[in-house]
Structures are given as C-alpha cells and as structure tokens.
Amino acid sequence: MKIYLASKYIKHSQVNKVIADLLLKHGYEVFLPESIDINGVTKKQMLKVGTICYQQIDSSDVILVISPYKRSVSAEIGYAIRSKLMYNKIKIVLFRIDNEESEIEDSEAMIAPFIDYNIDEYSKGEIKSAYNKLLGYLSQLE
C-alpha cells in the first residue's frame, strides 16, 4: 500500500520523518514531497514539483494529511478528493498534531465531508495511541 504524506515541509519536518519511518517499518511505501529535493522558486521548478506530487497522489492508496496545513496541502487534498470522486480510489486520513490551529478544518465544507478517517490523539498528547490508531486503520484497508 502506498501512502502520500501531505504536510508542511519545514514546520512539520520532524513529525513527517517519524511518521514516514513508522510506516516504512510496517511495510508501507511512503512518498514525502520534500524528497523531490527541488527548491520550487521559479515557475518551471514549481511546475515540476507540482507535477511530480500530483503523479504520486495518482499512484497512492492513501493521502495522509498532517494537520494543521496551508494552501499547498489544501491543493493536494483537493486533487485527492477529485480522484476519490472520479475513481473511488484514494482514502484521505487527517492526522492532527495541533488542535489549536486545526479547529477551522472541521467546518471546511469542501474538505471535511471527504475525510475518511480522523486521528486527533497526537494533538491531545497521546502520541503512541495516535500511531497505533493510524496503523490499525491502514491494516483494515489492506
């Protein structure tokens, strides 16, 4: 099973690495957009990064959204929702690491109804429980 990890590159880099390592350890294939290693400054670079990311979402079974997120991750979620609506292929999992900044997401009419699974234990300090919940959900999809 392939998992696309959608998250803020810099602010969540340590959490991203821990989650990616956990998933890899349990036999999942994981794509982290920061692994592209292109600084998307010019329009040409941004186009290359975006194209790679959308291709990776197309080949993924799950998009794991690390929340809170901003515009680029919202675009990734929107693309995944399109895939879900057209092909019923991808699952969208929201993994909250900070409830303070995440409250608005529950009222996002264009996103919230399409979330397949919510994990908020991490934001409550129950980190091990959050990881176990994630692994449990993923194992049900296999």
Protein backbone atom coordinates (compact mmCIF):
# COMPACT_ATOMS: atom_id res chain seq x y z
CA MET A 1 0.00 0.00 0.00
CA LYS A 2 1.34 3.41 -0.97
CA ILE A 3 0.85 6.45 1.26
CA TYR A 4 1.33 10.05 0.19
CA LEU A 5 2.28 12.19 3.19
CA ALA A 6 0.86 15.71 2.71
CA SER A 7 2.30 18.16 5.20
CA LYS A 8 4.16 21.41 5.74
CA TYR A 9 7.75 20.67 4.70
CA ILE A 10 9.67 22.74 7.21
CA LYS A 11 7.41 23.22 10.23
CA HIS A 12 6.44 19.53 10.43
CA SER A 13 9.70 18.01 9.15
CA GLN A 14 10.45 16.06 12.34
CA VAL A 15 6.89 14.70 12.67
CA ASN A 16 6.91 13.84 8.95
CA LYS A 17 10.12 11.84 9.35
CA VAL A 18 8.86 9.95 12.43
CA ILE A 19 5.58 9.05 10.73
CA ALA A 20 7.28 8.08 7.46
CA ASP A 21 9.80 5.89 9.33
CA LEU A 22 6.97 4.22 11.29
CA LEU A 23 5.05 3.47 8.11
CA LEU A 24 8.13 2.17 6.30
CA LYS A 25 8.96 -0.04 9.28
CA HIS A 26 5.49 -1.59 8.94
CA GLY A 27 5.94 -2.32 5.25
CA TYR A 28 4.15 0.63 3.68
CA GLU A 29 5.53 2.57 0.73
CA VAL A 30 5.66 6.27 1.61
CA PHE A 31 6.11 9.35 -0.56
CA LEU A 32 7.23 12.59 1.09
CA PRO A 33 7.08 15.60 -1.27
CA GLU A 34 10.20 17.06 0.34
CA SER A 35 12.11 14.08 -1.08
CA ILE A 36 11.83 15.68 -4.53
CA ASP A 37 14.69 17.96 -3.45
CA ILE A 38 13.84 20.83 -5.76
CA ASN A 39 13.51 24.32 -4.35
CA GLY A 40 10.33 25.42 -6.12
CA VAL A 41 11.22 29.08 -6.57
CA THR A 42 10.81 29.59 -10.30
CA LYS A 43 7.60 28.81 -12.16
CA LYS A 44 9.38 26.00 -14.02
CA GLN A 45 10.57 24.45 -10.73
CA MET A 46 7.11 24.81 -9.17
CA LEU A 47 5.55 23.13 -12.21
CA LYS A 48 7.98 20.21 -11.92
CA VAL A 49 7.32 19.78 -8.17
CA GLY A 50 3.54 20.05 -8.64
CA THR A 51 3.54 17.55 -11.50
CA ILE A 52 5.57 15.02 -9.52
CA CYS A 53 3.33 15.45 -6.47
CA TYR A 54 0.10 15.01 -8.44
CA GLN A 55 1.52 11.93 -10.18
CA GLN A 56 2.44 10.49 -6.78
CA ILE A 57 -1.07 11.15 -5.44
CA ASP A 58 -2.47 9.35 -8.50
CA SER A 59 -0.43 6.27 -7.66
CA SER A 60 -1.21 6.33 -3.92
CA ASP A 61 -3.86 4.43 -1.98
CA VAL A 62 -3.95 6.87 0.95
CA ILE A 63 -3.18 10.53 1.39
CA LEU A 64 -2.14 11.13 4.99
CA VAL A 65 -2.70 14.79 5.79
CA ILE A 66 -0.69 16.17 8.68
CA SER A 67 -2.74 18.96 10.20
CA PRO A 68 -2.66 21.90 10.53
CA TYR A 69 -1.89 22.63 6.91
CA LYS A 70 -1.85 25.55 4.49
CA ARG A 71 -2.55 26.18 0.80
CA SER A 72 -0.27 23.65 -0.90
CA VAL A 73 -1.60 20.80 1.23
CA SER A 74 -5.14 22.05 0.55
CA ALA A 75 -4.37 21.70 -3.16
CA GLU A 76 -3.13 18.14 -2.59
CA ILE A 77 -6.31 17.33 -0.66
CA GLY A 78 -8.45 18.83 -3.41
CA TYR A 79 -6.67 16.72 -6.00
CA ALA A 80 -7.18 13.61 -3.88
CA ILE A 81 -10.88 14.45 -3.49
CA ARG A 82 -11.17 14.66 -7.27
CA SER A 83 -9.57 11.22 -7.53
CA LYS A 84 -11.94 9.90 -4.86
CA LEU A 85 -14.99 11.26 -6.69
CA MET A 86 -13.94 10.07 -10.14
CA TYR A 87 -12.40 6.70 -9.34
CA ASN A 88 -13.30 5.98 -5.68
CA LYS A 89 -9.65 5.02 -5.30
CA ILE A 90 -7.96 7.02 -2.57
CA LYS A 91 -8.60 7.29 1.16
CA ILE A 92 -8.00 10.59 2.94
CA VAL A 93 -6.75 10.43 6.52
CA LEU A 94 -6.41 13.53 8.68
CA PHE A 95 -3.70 13.28 11.36
CA ARG A 96 -3.91 16.25 13.72
CA ILE A 97 -0.77 17.28 15.54
CA ASP A 98 -2.15 20.58 16.85
CA ASN A 99 -5.82 21.11 17.72
CA GLU A 100 -5.41 24.85 18.29
CA GLU A 101 -4.72 25.53 14.62
CA SER A 102 -6.93 22.73 13.28
CA GLU A 103 -10.38 23.70 14.50
CA ILE A 104 -11.32 25.50 11.29
CA GLU A 105 -10.85 22.27 9.29
CA ASP A 106 -13.97 20.71 10.78
CA SER A 107 -16.08 23.40 9.12
CA GLU A 108 -14.40 23.29 5.71
CA ALA A 109 -17.38 22.31 3.55
CA MET A 110 -15.21 21.48 0.56
CA ILE A 111 -12.87 19.20 2.53
CA ALA A 112 -14.38 17.89 5.79
CA PRO A 113 -17.05 15.61 4.24
CA PHE A 114 -14.39 13.80 2.20
CA ILE A 115 -12.12 12.86 5.11
CA ASP A 116 -12.34 9.09 5.57
CA TYR A 117 -10.63 8.90 8.94
CA ASN A 118 -9.64 11.39 11.66
CA ILE A 119 -6.82 10.91 14.13
CA ASP A 120 -6.53 13.56 16.82
CA GLU A 121 -4.94 11.69 19.73
CA TYR A 122 -1.50 13.13 18.89
CA SER A 123 -2.76 16.67 19.43
CA LYS A 124 -4.02 15.58 22.85
CA GLY A 125 -0.58 14.28 23.83
CA GLU A 126 -1.48 10.62 23.21
CA ILE A 127 1.25 10.07 20.63
CA LYS A 128 1.56 6.28 20.86
CA SER A 129 -2.22 5.96 20.68
CA ALA A 130 -2.28 8.12 17.54
CA TYR A 131 0.33 5.96 15.81
CA ASN A 132 -1.50 2.77 16.82
CA LYS A 133 -4.79 4.19 15.53
CA LEU A 134 -3.15 5.06 12.21
CA LEU A 135 -1.59 1.62 11.81
CA GLY A 136 -4.88 -0.04 12.79
CA TYR A 137 -6.84 1.90 10.18
CA LEU A 138 -4.27 1.19 7.45
CA SER A 139 -4.27 -2.52 8.24
CA GLN A 140 -8.06 -2.57 7.70
CA LEU A 141 -7.55 -1.21 4.19
CA GLU A 142 -5.20 -4.00 3.13
